[in-house]
PDB file of N, CA and C in Angstrom:
ATOM      1  N   UNK A   1       0.808  -1.160  -0.057  1.00  0.00           N
ATOM      2  CA  UNK A   1       0.046  -0.039   0.023  1.00  0.00           C
ATOM      3  C   UNK A   1       0.857   1.226   0.000  1.00  0.00           C
ATOM      4  N   UNK A   2       0.558   2.161  -0.816  1.00  0.00           N
ATOM      5  CA  UNK A   2       1.272   3.427  -0.843  1.00  0.00           C
ATOM      6  C   UNK A   2       0.643   4.441   0.231  1.00  0.00           C
ATOM      7  N   UNK A   3       1.419   5.442   0.581  1.00  0.00           N
ATOM      8  CA  UNK A   3       0.833   6.490   1.516  1.00  0.00           C
ATOM      9  C   UNK A   3      -0.404   7.028   0.944  1.00  0.00           C
ATOM     10  N   UNK A   4      -1.295   7.486   1.795  1.00  0.00           N
ATOM     11  CA  UNK A   4      -2.532   8.155   1.417  1.00  0.00           C
ATOM     12  C   UNK A   4      -2.362   9.300   0.468  1.00  0.00           C
ATOM     13  N   UNK A   5      -3.006   9.356  -0.693  1.00  0.00           N
ATOM     14  CA  UNK A   5      -2.942  10.485  -1.425  1.00  0.00           C
ATOM     15  C   UNK A   5      -3.743  11.656  -0.802  1.00  0.00           C
ATOM     16  N   UNK A   6      -3.502  12.765  -1.406  1.00  0.00           N
ATOM     17  CA  UNK A   6      -4.206  13.946  -0.803  1.00  0.00           C
ATOM     18  C   UNK A   6      -5.685  13.780  -1.122  1.00  0.00           C
ATOM     19  N   UNK A   7      -6.552  14.278  -0.228  1.00  0.00           N
ATOM     20  CA  UNK A   7      -7.956  14.215  -0.552  1.00  0.00           C
ATOM     21  C   UNK A   7      -8.307  15.239  -1.592  1.00  0.00           C
ATOM     22  N   UNK A   8      -9.412  15.194  -2.206  1.00  0.00           N
ATOM     23  CA  UNK A   8     -10.492  14.339  -1.964  1.00  0.00           C
ATOM     24  C   UNK A   8     -10.383  12.976  -2.663  1.00  0.00           C
ATOM     25  N   UNK A   9     -10.894  11.874  -2.069  1.00  0.00           N
ATOM     26  CA  UNK A   9     -11.018  10.622  -2.753  1.00  0.00           C
ATOM     27  C   UNK A   9     -12.274  10.660  -3.559  1.00  0.00           C
ATOM     28  N   UNK A  10     -12.263   9.874  -4.658  1.00  0.00           N
ATOM     29  CA  UNK A  10     -13.407   9.745  -5.544  1.00  0.00           C
ATOM     30  C   UNK A  10     -14.390   8.789  -4.811  1.00  0.00           C
ATOM     31  N   UNK A  11     -15.589   9.004  -4.874  1.00  0.00           N
ATOM     32  CA  UNK A  11     -16.575   8.166  -4.232  1.00  0.00           C
ATOM     33  C   UNK A  11     -17.353   7.305  -5.257  1.00  0.00           C
ATOM     34  N   UNK A  12     -17.394   6.040  -5.092  1.00  0.00           N
ATOM     35  CA  UNK A  12     -18.164   5.170  -5.933  1.00  0.00           C
ATOM     36  C   UNK A  12     -19.247   4.494  -5.140  1.00  0.00           C
ATOM     37  N   UNK A  13     -20.423   4.532  -5.729  1.00  0.00           N
ATOM     38  CA  UNK A  13     -21.580   3.851  -5.273  1.00  0.00           C
ATOM     39  C   UNK A  13     -22.477   3.224  -6.283  1.00  0.00           C
ATOM     40  N   UNK A  14     -23.151   2.226  -5.869  1.00  0.00           N
ATOM     41  CA  UNK A  14     -24.061   1.583  -6.878  1.00  0.00           C
ATOM     42  C   UNK A  14     -25.353   2.319  -7.059  1.00  0.00           C
ATOM     43  N   UNK A  15     -26.069   2.058  -8.090  1.00  0.00           N
ATOM     44  CA  UNK A  15     -27.270   2.708  -8.336  1.00  0.00           C
ATOM     45  C   UNK A  15     -28.305   2.165  -7.241  1.00  0.00           C
ATOM     46  N   UNK A  16     -28.135   0.908  -6.786  1.00  0.00           N
ATOM     47  CA  UNK A  16     -29.028   0.427  -5.749  1.00  0.00           C
ATOM     48  C   UNK A  16     -28.789   1.232  -4.423  1.00  0.00           C
ATOM     49  N   UNK A  17     -27.618   1.548  -4.166  1.00  0.00           N
ATOM     50  CA  UNK A  17     -27.337   2.289  -2.896  1.00  0.00           C
ATOM     51  C   UNK A  17     -27.862   3.728  -3.017  1.00  0.00           C
ATOM     52  N   UNK A  18     -27.626   4.364  -4.136  1.00  0.00           N
ATOM     53  CA  UNK A  18     -28.066   5.646  -4.360  1.00  0.00           C
ATOM     54  C   UNK A  18     -29.575   5.706  -4.215  1.00  0.00           C
ATOM     55  N   UNK A  19     -30.305   4.722  -4.780  1.00  0.00           N
ATOM     56  CA  UNK A  19     -31.738   4.674  -4.629  1.00  0.00           C
ATOM     57  C   UNK A  19     -32.181   4.473  -3.116  1.00  0.00           C
ATOM     58  N   UNK A  20     -31.434   3.617  -2.477  1.00  0.00           N
ATOM     59  CA  UNK A  20     -31.722   3.381  -0.964  1.00  0.00           C
ATOM     60  C   UNK A  20     -31.580   4.686  -0.192  1.00  0.00           C
ATOM     61  N   UNK A  21     -30.602   5.506  -0.519  1.00  0.00           N
ATOM     62  CA  UNK A  21     -30.359   6.800   0.191  1.00  0.00           C
ATOM     63  C   UNK A  21     -31.475   7.751  -0.170  1.00  0.00           C
ATOM     64  N   UNK A  22     -31.886   7.693  -1.475  1.00  0.00           N
ATOM     65  CA  UNK A  22     -33.021   8.562  -1.882  1.00  0.00           C
ATOM     66  C   UNK A  22     -34.260   8.148  -1.068  1.00  0.00           C
ATOM     67  N   UNK A  23     -34.493   6.914  -0.932  1.00  0.00           N
ATOM     68  CA  UNK A  23     -35.713   6.512  -0.133  1.00  0.00           C
ATOM     69  C   UNK A  23     -35.569   6.960   1.318  1.00  0.00           C
ATOM     70  N   UNK A  24     -34.361   6.917   1.914  1.00  0.00           N
ATOM     71  CA  UNK A  24     -34.123   7.305   3.260  1.00  0.00           C
ATOM     72  C   UNK A  24     -34.528   8.817   3.345  1.00  0.00           C
ATOM     73  N   UNK A  25     -34.014   9.633   2.414  1.00  0.00           N
ATOM     74  CA  UNK A  25     -34.283  11.069   2.478  1.00  0.00           C
ATOM     75  C   UNK A  25     -35.831  11.360   2.260  1.00  0.00           C
ATOM     76  N   UNK A  26     -36.487  10.551   1.391  1.00  0.00           N
ATOM     77  CA  UNK A  26     -37.938  10.832   1.231  1.00  0.00           C
ATOM     78  C   UNK A  26     -38.686  10.558   2.580  1.00  0.00           C
ATOM     79  N   UNK A  27     -38.313   9.405   3.168  1.00  0.00           N
ATOM     80  CA  UNK A  27     -38.962   9.021   4.501  1.00  0.00           C
ATOM     81  C   UNK A  27     -38.580  10.098   5.571  1.00  0.00           C
ATOM     82  N   UNK A  28     -37.348  10.554   5.564  1.00  0.00           N
ATOM     83  CA  UNK A  28     -36.980  11.544   6.487  1.00  0.00           C
ATOM     84  C   UNK A  28     -37.879  12.880   6.276  1.00  0.00           C
ATOM     85  N   UNK A  29     -38.153  13.200   5.063  1.00  0.00           N
ATOM     86  CA  UNK A  29     -38.960  14.375   4.705  1.00  0.00           C
ATOM     87  C   UNK A  29     -40.423  14.135   5.268  1.00  0.00           C
ATOM     88  N   UNK A  30     -40.940  12.867   5.033  1.00  0.00           N
ATOM     89  CA  UNK A  30     -42.253  12.535   5.544  1.00  0.00           C
ATOM     90  C   UNK A  30     -42.328  12.629   7.116  1.00  0.00           C
ATOM     91  N   UNK A  31     -41.264  12.392   7.726  1.00  0.00           N
ATOM     92  CA  UNK A  31     -41.133  12.413   9.288  1.00  0.00           C
ATOM     93  C   UNK A  31     -40.801  13.824   9.795  1.00  0.00           C
ATOM     94  N   UNK A  32     -40.503  14.752   8.857  1.00  0.00           N
ATOM     95  CA  UNK A  32     -40.053  16.075   9.207  1.00  0.00           C
ATOM     96  C   UNK A  32     -38.680  16.224   9.789  1.00  0.00           C
ATOM     97  N   UNK A  33     -37.879  15.336   9.454  1.00  0.00           N
ATOM     98  CA  UNK A  33     -36.522  15.294   9.993  1.00  0.00           C
ATOM     99  C   UNK A  33     -35.435  15.362   8.927  1.00  0.00           C
ATOM    100  N   UNK A  34     -35.806  15.819   7.715  1.00  0.00           N
ATOM    101  CA  UNK A  34     -34.910  15.873   6.539  1.00  0.00           C
ATOM    102  C   UNK A  34     -33.668  16.582   6.874  1.00  0.00           C
ATOM    103  N   UNK A  35     -33.674  17.850   7.437  1.00  0.00           N
ATOM    104  CA  UNK A  35     -32.440  18.506   7.584  1.00  0.00           C
ATOM    105  C   UNK A  35     -31.431  17.640   8.426  1.00  0.00           C
ATOM    106  N   UNK A  36     -31.926  17.060   9.433  1.00  0.00           N
ATOM    107  CA  UNK A  36     -31.021  16.247  10.338  1.00  0.00           C
ATOM    108  C   UNK A  36     -30.367  15.006   9.611  1.00  0.00           C
ATOM    109  N   UNK A  37     -31.288  14.286   8.745  1.00  0.00           N
ATOM    110  CA  UNK A  37     -30.738  13.147   8.032  1.00  0.00           C
ATOM    111  C   UNK A  37     -29.837  13.686   6.877  1.00  0.00           C
ATOM    112  N   UNK A  38     -30.184  14.735   6.155  1.00  0.00           N
ATOM    113  CA  UNK A  38     -29.301  15.283   5.032  1.00  0.00           C
ATOM    114  C   UNK A  38     -27.950  15.716   5.695  1.00  0.00           C
ATOM    115  N   UNK A  39     -27.914  16.244   6.815  1.00  0.00           N
ATOM    116  CA  UNK A  39     -26.645  16.746   7.461  1.00  0.00           C
ATOM    117  C   UNK A  39     -25.731  15.481   7.830  1.00  0.00           C
ATOM    118  N   UNK A  40     -26.382  14.479   8.371  1.00  0.00           N
ATOM    119  CA  UNK A  40     -25.649  13.281   8.749  1.00  0.00           C
ATOM    120  C   UNK A  40     -25.045  12.639   7.533  1.00  0.00           C
ATOM    121  N   UNK A  41     -25.901  12.480   6.487  1.00  0.00           N
ATOM    122  CA  UNK A  41     -25.324  11.777   5.244  1.00  0.00           C
ATOM    123  C   UNK A  41     -24.184  12.693   4.587  1.00  0.00           C
ATOM    124  N   UNK A  42     -24.459  14.022   4.558  1.00  0.00           N
ATOM    125  CA  UNK A  42     -23.402  14.942   3.987  1.00  0.00           C
ATOM    126  C   UNK A  42     -22.075  14.786   4.895  1.00  0.00           C
ATOM    127  N   UNK A  43     -22.188  14.615   6.144  1.00  0.00           N
ATOM    128  CA  UNK A  43     -20.986  14.526   7.013  1.00  0.00           C
ATOM    129  C   UNK A  43     -20.316  13.142   6.625  1.00  0.00           C
ATOM    130  N   UNK A  44     -21.065  12.097   6.415  1.00  0.00           N
ATOM    131  CA  UNK A  44     -20.577  10.849   6.124  1.00  0.00           C
ATOM    132  C   UNK A  44     -19.815  10.920   4.815  1.00  0.00           C
ATOM    133  N   UNK A  45     -20.444  11.545   3.835  1.00  0.00           N
ATOM    134  CA  UNK A  45     -19.759  11.707   2.443  1.00  0.00           C
ATOM    135  C   UNK A  45     -18.425  12.502   2.668  1.00  0.00           C
ATOM    136  N   UNK A  46     -18.470  13.530   3.516  1.00  0.00           N
ATOM    137  CA  UNK A  46     -17.261  14.314   3.744  1.00  0.00           C
ATOM    138  C   UNK A  46     -16.102  13.356   4.361  1.00  0.00           C
ATOM    139  N   UNK A  47     -16.525  12.575   5.328  1.00  0.00           N
ATOM    140  CA  UNK A  47     -15.564  11.691   5.933  1.00  0.00           C
ATOM    141  C   UNK A  47     -14.945  10.708   4.918  1.00  0.00           C
ATOM    142  N   UNK A  48     -15.836  10.155   4.085  1.00  0.00           N
ATOM    143  CA  UNK A  48     -15.491   9.196   2.990  1.00  0.00           C
ATOM    144  C   UNK A  48     -14.531   9.834   2.040  1.00  0.00           C
ATOM    145  N   UNK A  49     -14.725  11.042   1.694  1.00  0.00           N
ATOM    146  CA  UNK A  49     -13.927  11.690   0.610  1.00  0.00           C
ATOM    147  C   UNK A  49     -12.657  12.387   1.153  1.00  0.00           C
ATOM    148  N   UNK A  50     -12.703  12.765   2.423  1.00  0.00           N
ATOM    149  CA  UNK A  50     -11.568  13.479   3.002  1.00  0.00           C
ATOM    150  C   UNK A  50     -10.647  12.635   3.860  1.00  0.00           C
ATOM    151  N   UNK A  51     -11.113  11.695   4.662  1.00  0.00           N
ATOM    152  CA  UNK A  51     -10.249  10.948   5.586  1.00  0.00           C
ATOM    153  C   UNK A  51     -10.923   9.555   5.758  1.00  0.00           C
ATOM    154  N   UNK A  52     -11.047   8.756   4.657  1.00  0.00           N
ATOM    155  CA  UNK A  52     -11.725   7.434   4.920  1.00  0.00           C
ATOM    156  C   UNK A  52     -11.003   6.471   5.729  1.00  0.00           C
ATOM    157  N   UNK A  53      -9.560   6.495   5.674  1.00  0.00           N
ATOM    158  CA  UNK A  53      -8.819   5.581   6.538  1.00  0.00           C
ATOM    159  C   UNK A  53      -8.795   5.982   7.959  1.00  0.00           C
ATOM    160  N   UNK A  54      -8.942   7.221   8.199  1.00  0.00           N
ATOM    161  CA  UNK A  54      -8.923   7.730   9.598  1.00  0.00           C
ATOM    162  C   UNK A  54     -10.266   7.632  10.310  1.00  0.00           C
ATOM    163  N   UNK A  55     -11.418   7.527   9.416  1.00  0.00           N
ATOM    164  CA  UNK A  55     -12.681   7.453  10.048  1.00  0.00           C
ATOM    165  C   UNK A  55     -13.041   6.083  10.444  1.00  0.00           C
ATOM    166  N   UNK A  56     -12.989   5.086   9.517  1.00  0.00           N
ATOM    167  CA  UNK A  56     -13.568   3.779   9.854  1.00  0.00           C
ATOM    168  C   UNK A  56     -12.500   2.831  10.323  1.00  0.00           C
ATOM    169  N   UNK A  57     -13.016   1.739  10.826  1.00  0.00           N
ATOM    170  CA  UNK A  57     -12.220   0.625  11.290  1.00  0.00           C
ATOM    171  C   UNK A  57     -11.966  -0.417  10.263  1.00  0.00           C
ATOM    172  N   UNK A  58     -10.631  -0.712   9.989  1.00  0.00           N
ATOM    173  CA  UNK A  58     -10.467  -1.727   8.902  1.00  0.00           C
ATOM    174  C   UNK A  58     -10.858  -3.141   9.342  1.00  0.00           C
ATOM    175  N   UNK A  59     -11.536  -3.869   8.389  1.00  0.00           N
ATOM    176  CA  UNK A  59     -12.094  -5.102   8.759  1.00  0.00           C
ATOM    177  C   UNK A  59     -11.379  -6.293   8.045  1.00  0.00           C
ATOM    178  N   UNK A  60     -11.108  -6.075   6.751  1.00  0.00           N
ATOM    179  CA  UNK A  60     -10.411  -7.133   6.098  1.00  0.00           C
ATOM    180  C   UNK A  60      -9.690  -6.593   4.815  1.00  0.00           C
ATOM    181  N   UNK A  61      -8.743  -7.319   4.385  1.00  0.00           N
ATOM    182  CA  UNK A  61      -7.958  -6.998   3.206  1.00  0.00           C
ATOM    183  C   UNK A  61      -8.318  -7.875   2.039  1.00  0.00           C
ATOM    184  N   UNK A  62      -8.732  -7.280   1.013  1.00  0.00           N
ATOM    185  CA  UNK A  62      -9.060  -7.958  -0.210  1.00  0.00           C
ATOM    186  C   UNK A  62      -7.765  -7.870  -1.175  1.00  0.00           C
ATOM    187  N   UNK A  63      -6.873  -8.842  -1.008  1.00  0.00           N
ATOM    188  CA  UNK A  63      -5.647  -8.737  -1.779  1.00  0.00           C
ATOM    189  C   UNK A  63      -5.690  -8.667  -3.233  1.00  0.00           C
ATOM    190  N   UNK A  64      -6.558  -9.437  -3.889  1.00  0.00           N
ATOM    191  CA  UNK A  64      -6.633  -9.515  -5.266  1.00  0.00           C
ATOM    192  C   UNK A  64      -7.318  -8.306  -5.859  1.00  0.00           C
ATOM    193  N   UNK A  65      -8.246  -7.683  -5.122  1.00  0.00           N
ATOM    194  CA  UNK A  65      -8.917  -6.509  -5.555  1.00  0.00           C
ATOM    195  C   UNK A  65      -8.086  -5.233  -5.116  1.00  0.00           C
ATOM    196  N   UNK A  66      -7.117  -5.391  -4.347  1.00  0.00           N
ATOM    197  CA  UNK A  66      -6.165  -4.334  -3.903  1.00  0.00           C
ATOM    198  C   UNK A  66      -7.035  -3.305  -3.054  1.00  0.00           C
ATOM    199  N   UNK A  67      -7.882  -3.737  -2.258  1.00  0.00           N
ATOM    200  CA  UNK A  67      -8.680  -2.867  -1.396  1.00  0.00           C
ATOM    201  C   UNK A  67      -8.748  -3.358   0.043  1.00  0.00           C
ATOM    202  N   UNK A  68      -9.086  -2.511   0.939  1.00  0.00           N
ATOM    203  CA  UNK A  68      -9.260  -2.794   2.285  1.00  0.00           C
ATOM    204  C   UNK A  68     -10.732  -2.409   2.683  1.00  0.00           C
ATOM    205  N   UNK A  69     -11.440  -3.365   3.327  1.00  0.00           N
ATOM    206  CA  UNK A  69     -12.808  -2.994   3.711  1.00  0.00           C
ATOM    207  C   UNK A  69     -12.842  -2.398   5.175  1.00  0.00           C
ATOM    208  N   UNK A  70     -13.668  -1.324   5.274  1.00  0.00           N
ATOM    209  CA  UNK A  70     -13.809  -0.609   6.479  1.00  0.00           C
ATOM    210  C   UNK A  70     -15.255  -0.549   6.930  1.00  0.00           C
ATOM    211  N   UNK A  71     -15.492  -0.336   8.252  1.00  0.00           N
ATOM    212  CA  UNK A  71     -16.792   0.070   8.774  1.00  0.00           C
ATOM    213  C   UNK A  71     -16.664   1.354   9.549  1.00  0.00           C
ATOM    214  N   UNK A  72     -17.554   2.309   9.266  1.00  0.00           N
ATOM    215  CA  UNK A  72     -17.580   3.574  10.001  1.00  0.00           C
ATOM    216  C   UNK A  72     -18.994   3.813  10.546  1.00  0.00           C
ATOM    217  N   UNK A  73     -19.054   4.478  11.620  1.00  0.00           N
ATOM    218  CA  UNK A  73     -20.266   4.809  12.216  1.00  0.00           C
ATOM    219  C   UNK A  73     -20.348   6.340  12.551  1.00  0.00           C
ATOM    220  N   UNK A  74     -21.471   6.910  12.251  1.00  0.00           N
ATOM    221  CA  UNK A  74     -21.643   8.337  12.474  1.00  0.00           C
ATOM    222  C   UNK A  74     -23.118   8.684  12.645  1.00  0.00           C
ATOM    223  N   UNK A  75     -23.427   9.354  13.658  1.00  0.00           N
ATOM    224  CA  UNK A  75     -24.869   9.827  13.890  1.00  0.00           C
ATOM    225  C   UNK A  75     -25.871   8.703  13.711  1.00  0.00           C
ATOM    226  N   UNK A  76     -25.619   7.528  14.143  1.00  0.00           N
ATOM    227  CA  UNK A  76     -26.464   6.335  14.183  1.00  0.00           C
ATOM    228  C   UNK A  76     -26.731   5.810  12.768  1.00  0.00           C
ATOM    229  N   UNK A  77     -25.706   6.043  11.919  1.00  0.00           N
ATOM    230  CA  UNK A  77     -25.628   5.371  10.612  1.00  0.00           C
ATOM    231  C   UNK A  77     -24.365   4.540  10.658  1.00  0.00           C
ATOM    232  N   UNK A  78     -24.426   3.407   9.894  1.00  0.00           N
ATOM    233  CA  UNK A  78     -23.180   2.583   9.735  1.00  0.00           C
ATOM    234  C   UNK A  78     -23.006   2.433   8.213  1.00  0.00           C
ATOM    235  N   UNK A  79     -21.746   2.460   7.976  1.00  0.00           N
ATOM    236  CA  UNK A  79     -21.295   2.474   6.571  1.00  0.00           C
ATOM    237  C   UNK A  79     -20.215   1.427   6.350  1.00  0.00           C
ATOM    238  N   UNK A  80     -20.373   0.552   5.322  1.00  0.00           N
ATOM    239  CA  UNK A  80     -19.242  -0.342   5.042  1.00  0.00           C
ATOM    240  C   UNK A  80     -18.744   0.108   3.632  1.00  0.00           C
ATOM    241  N   UNK A  81     -17.403   0.205   3.501  1.00  0.00           N
ATOM    242  CA  UNK A  81     -16.783   0.753   2.324  1.00  0.00           C
ATOM    243  C   UNK A  81     -15.422   0.097   2.133  1.00  0.00           C
ATOM    244  N   UNK A  82     -14.908   0.244   0.960  1.00  0.00           N
ATOM    245  CA  UNK A  82     -13.584  -0.273   0.760  1.00  0.00           C
ATOM    246  C   UNK A  82     -12.733   0.857   0.068  1.00  0.00           C
ATOM    247  N   UNK A  83     -11.539   0.844   0.425  1.00  0.00           N
ATOM    248  CA  UNK A  83     -10.612   1.825  -0.107  1.00  0.00           C
ATOM    249  C   UNK A  83      -9.517   1.110  -0.993  1.00  0.00           C
ATOM    250  N   UNK A  84      -9.294   1.549  -2.279  1.00  0.00           N
ATOM    251  CA  UNK A  84      -8.254   0.940  -3.091  1.00  0.00           C
ATOM    252  C   UNK A  84      -6.846   1.329  -2.499  1.00  0.00           C
ATOM    253  N   UNK A  85      -5.952   0.359  -2.592  1.00  0.00           N
ATOM    254  CA  UNK A  85      -4.684   0.483  -2.090  1.00  0.00           C
ATOM    255  C   UNK A  85      -3.822   1.612  -2.715  1.00  0.00           C
ATOM    256  N   UNK A  86      -3.963   1.796  -4.041  1.00  0.00           N
ATOM    257  CA  UNK A  86      -3.150   2.760  -4.769  1.00  0.00           C
ATOM    258  C   UNK A  86      -3.904   3.899  -5.349  1.00  0.00           C
ATOM    259  N   UNK A  87      -5.166   3.674  -5.767  1.00  0.00           N
ATOM    260  CA  UNK A  87      -5.960   4.629  -6.368  1.00  0.00           C
ATOM    261  C   UNK A  87      -6.846   5.388  -5.347  1.00  0.00           C
ATOM    262  N   UNK A  88      -6.913   6.695  -5.349  1.00  0.00           N
ATOM    263  CA  UNK A  88      -7.759   7.437  -4.311  1.00  0.00           C
ATOM    264  C   UNK A  88      -9.260   7.302  -4.610  1.00  0.00           C
ATOM    265  N   UNK A  89      -9.782   6.107  -4.396  1.00  0.00           N
ATOM    266  CA  UNK A  89     -11.215   5.916  -4.563  1.00  0.00           C
ATOM    267  C   UNK A  89     -11.724   5.038  -3.437  1.00  0.00           C
ATOM    268  N   UNK A  90     -12.981   5.400  -3.017  1.00  0.00           N
ATOM    269  CA  UNK A  90     -13.734   4.721  -2.008  1.00  0.00           C
ATOM    270  C   UNK A  90     -14.927   4.153  -2.622  1.00  0.00           C
ATOM    271  N   UNK A  91     -15.100   2.810  -2.368  1.00  0.00           N
ATOM    272  CA  UNK A  91     -16.375   2.167  -2.908  1.00  0.00           C
ATOM    273  C   UNK A  91     -17.199   1.978  -1.732  1.00  0.00           C
ATOM    274  N   UNK A  92     -18.409   2.512  -1.801  1.00  0.00           N
ATOM    275  CA  UNK A  92     -19.396   2.358  -0.653  1.00  0.00           C
ATOM    276  C   UNK A  92     -20.284   1.163  -0.921  1.00  0.00           C
ATOM    277  N   UNK A  93     -20.292   0.213  -0.018  1.00  0.00           N
ATOM    278  CA  UNK A  93     -21.072  -0.983  -0.164  1.00  0.00           C
ATOM    279  C   UNK A  93     -22.468  -0.868   0.458  1.00  0.00           C
ATOM    280  N   UNK A  94     -22.481  -0.216   1.601  1.00  0.00           N
ATOM    281  CA  UNK A  94     -23.749  -0.120   2.294  1.00  0.00           C
ATOM    282  C   UNK A  94     -23.796   1.072   3.235  1.00  0.00           C
ATOM    283  N   UNK A  95     -25.049   1.598   3.406  1.00  0.00           N
ATOM    284  CA  UNK A  95     -25.251   2.613   4.496  1.00  0.00           C
ATOM    285  C   UNK A  95     -26.601   2.177   5.107  1.00  0.00           C
ATOM    286  N   UNK A  96     -26.529   1.905   6.407  1.00  0.00           N
ATOM    287  CA  UNK A  96     -27.666   1.402   7.242  1.00  0.00           C
ATOM    288  C   UNK A  96     -27.938   2.289   8.414  1.00  0.00           C
ATOM    289  N   UNK A  97     -29.083   2.205   8.985  1.00  0.00           N
ATOM    290  CA  UNK A  97     -29.390   2.924  10.227  1.00  0.00           C
ATOM    291  C   UNK A  97     -29.113   1.954  11.421  1.00  0.00           C
ATOM    292  N   UNK A  98     -28.701   2.554  12.469  1.00  0.00           N
ATOM    293  CA  UNK A  98     -28.518   1.888  13.785  1.00  0.00           C
ATOM    294  C   UNK A  98     -29.634   2.319  14.807  1.00  0.00           C
ATOM    295  N   UNK A  99     -29.708   1.504  15.795  1.00  0.00           N
ATOM    296  CA  UNK A  99     -30.657   1.900  16.846  1.00  0.00           C
ATOM    297  C   UNK A  99     -30.386   3.268  17.394  1.00  0.00           C
ATOM    298  N   UNK A 100     -31.495   4.046  17.489  1.00  0.00           N
ATOM    299  CA  UNK A 100     -31.244   5.435  17.868  1.00  0.00           C
ATOM    300  C   UNK A 100     -31.461   6.390  16.739  1.00  0.00           C
ATOM    301  N   UNK A 101     -31.304   5.919  15.508  1.00  0.00           N
ATOM    302  CA  UNK A 101     -31.572   6.630  14.335  1.00  0.00           C
ATOM    303  C   UNK A 101     -33.065   6.697  14.137  1.00  0.00           C
ATOM    304  N   UNK A 102     -33.687   7.850  13.890  1.00  0.00           N
ATOM    305  CA  UNK A 102     -35.136   7.980  13.677  1.00  0.00           C
ATOM    306  C   UNK A 102     -35.695   7.124  12.565  1.00  0.00           C
ATOM    307  N   UNK A 103     -34.773   6.740  11.624  1.00  0.00           N
ATOM    308  CA  UNK A 103     -35.241   5.904  10.524  1.00  0.00           C
ATOM    309  C   UNK A 103     -34.981   4.460  10.775  1.00  0.00           C
ATOM    310  N   UNK A 104     -34.410   4.028  11.950  1.00  0.00           N
ATOM    311  CA  UNK A 104     -34.080   2.695  12.258  1.00  0.00           C
ATOM    312  C   UNK A 104     -35.325   1.759  12.241  1.00  0.00           C
ATOM    313  N   UNK A 105     -35.210   0.634  11.650  1.00  0.00           N
ATOM    314  CA  UNK A 105     -36.274  -0.325  11.656  1.00  0.00           C
ATOM    315  C   UNK A 105     -37.126  -0.267  10.360  1.00  0.00           C
ATOM    316  N   UNK A 106     -36.858   0.737   9.475  1.00  0.00           N
ATOM    317  CA  UNK A 106     -37.633   0.888   8.284  1.00  0.00           C
ATOM    318  C   UNK A 106     -36.937   0.157   7.147  1.00  0.00           C
ATOM    319  N   UNK A 107     -37.596  -0.343   6.161  1.00  0.00           N
ATOM    320  CA  UNK A 107     -37.050  -1.053   5.026  1.00  0.00           C
ATOM    321  C   UNK A 107     -36.872  -0.062   3.907  1.00  0.00           C
ATOM    322  N   UNK A 108     -35.646   0.150   3.486  1.00  0.00           N
ATOM    323  CA  UNK A 108     -35.325   1.112   2.364  1.00  0.00           C
ATOM    324  C   UNK A 108     -34.846   0.391   1.064  1.00  0.00           C
ATOM    325  N   UNK A 109     -34.925  -0.914   1.131  1.00  0.00           N
ATOM    326  CA  UNK A 109     -34.576  -1.773  -0.028  1.00  0.00           C
ATOM    327  C   UNK A 109     -35.895  -1.916  -0.882  1.00  0.00           C
ATOM    328  N   UNK A 110     -35.781  -1.574  -2.165  1.00  0.00           N
ATOM    329  CA  UNK A 110     -36.854  -1.678  -3.104  1.00  0.00           C
ATOM    330  C   UNK A 110     -37.673  -2.842  -2.919  1.00  0.00           C
TER     331      UNK A 110
END
């Protein structure tokens, strides 16, 4: 692994995850908590693009993919993501709510 490149890191997400986040934001709007949820997700995106190795806990090394998987938690959200060893890119695998999050217990999968 080479030393961390200067931020920002490029952020990669699947269409499925982007749709899941969109449903979270819609539900937050229905509940009247949209600003709080938008801020939390914006802060997570900031952490992922500015200091992904410093934010999360490393879980496992995917040697052939040249990535390391991490788990980060912020404002009762949990995020699993992988960082490429050489290229400044973060692949976000999931963003879920934890107990204490006003959206916790809801199904955001299509």
